[in-house]
Protein backbone atom coordinates (compact mmCIF):
# COMPACT_ATOMS: atom_id res chain seq x y z
CA LEU A 1 -10.02 29.66 -60.63
CA PRO A 2 -7.00 30.27 -59.07
CA THR A 3 -4.60 33.51 -59.91
CA ARG A 4 -1.20 32.39 -61.19
CA ILE A 5 1.54 34.62 -59.62
CA GLU A 6 5.06 34.26 -60.99
CA LYS A 7 7.66 36.42 -59.18
CA PHE A 8 11.14 37.56 -60.41
CA THR A 9 14.07 38.79 -58.32
CA VAL A 10 16.71 40.78 -60.35
CA ASN A 11 19.85 42.96 -59.33
CA ARG A 12 19.47 46.54 -59.89
CA SER A 13 23.34 46.84 -60.47
CA PRO A 14 25.16 44.74 -62.99
CA HIS A 15 28.26 44.58 -60.77
CA VAL A 16 28.31 44.78 -56.99
CA ASP A 17 25.61 45.67 -54.44
CA LYS A 18 23.76 42.17 -54.13
CA LYS A 19 21.42 43.94 -51.35
CA SER A 20 19.90 46.26 -54.12
CA ARG A 21 17.17 44.08 -55.85
CA GLU A 22 13.99 44.69 -57.58
CA GLN A 23 11.05 42.44 -57.67
CA PHE A 24 8.64 42.04 -60.59
CA GLU A 25 5.46 39.89 -60.62
CA MET A 26 3.07 38.65 -63.56
CA ARG A 27 -0.10 37.68 -62.79
CA THR A 28 -2.37 35.44 -65.00
CA HIS A 29 -6.00 35.54 -63.91
CA LYS A 30 -8.28 32.57 -65.40
CA ARG A 31 -12.04 32.89 -66.21
CA LEU A 32 -14.29 29.83 -66.94
CA LEU A 33 -17.45 30.53 -68.85
CA ASP A 34 -19.79 27.39 -69.12
CA ILE A 35 -22.61 27.82 -71.65
CA VAL A 36 -25.28 25.40 -71.66
CA ASP A 37 -26.89 24.49 -74.90
CA PRO A 38 -24.45 26.67 -77.03
CA THR A 39 -26.35 27.57 -80.48
CA PRO A 40 -24.07 27.89 -83.81
CA GLN A 41 -24.48 31.78 -83.53
CA THR A 42 -23.11 31.81 -80.15
CA VAL A 43 -19.98 29.85 -80.96
CA ASP A 44 -19.47 31.98 -83.77
CA ALA A 45 -19.85 35.32 -81.88
CA LEU A 46 -17.18 34.02 -79.39
CA MET A 47 -14.86 32.94 -82.22
CA LYS A 48 -15.01 36.45 -83.55
CA LEU A 49 -14.58 38.39 -80.81
CA ASP A 50 -11.91 41.25 -80.97
CA LEU A 51 -9.79 40.84 -77.78
CA ALA A 52 -7.10 43.09 -76.39
CA ALA A 53 -3.37 42.12 -76.88
CA GLY A 54 -2.39 39.53 -74.24
CA VAL A 55 -6.17 37.98 -73.57
CA ASP A 56 -6.47 34.51 -75.12
CA VAL A 57 -9.75 32.22 -75.38
CA GLU A 58 -9.96 28.93 -75.66
CA ILE A 59 -13.35 26.94 -76.73
CA LYS A 60 -13.96 23.36 -76.08
CA LEU A 61 -17.05 21.95 -77.66
């Protein structure tokens, strides 16, 4: 799946010097895991996974 890249450009100074800017980017990586014939234990184990902050899991049955 493609990586979504959002770029933000902001002025470094709140007043003048428009030529002085800073760029930030936020990357969203998506992965797809297709499980053939999932058992109830597999689905339960995926629901109970302890993930890092900012990591989301979506399960569709």
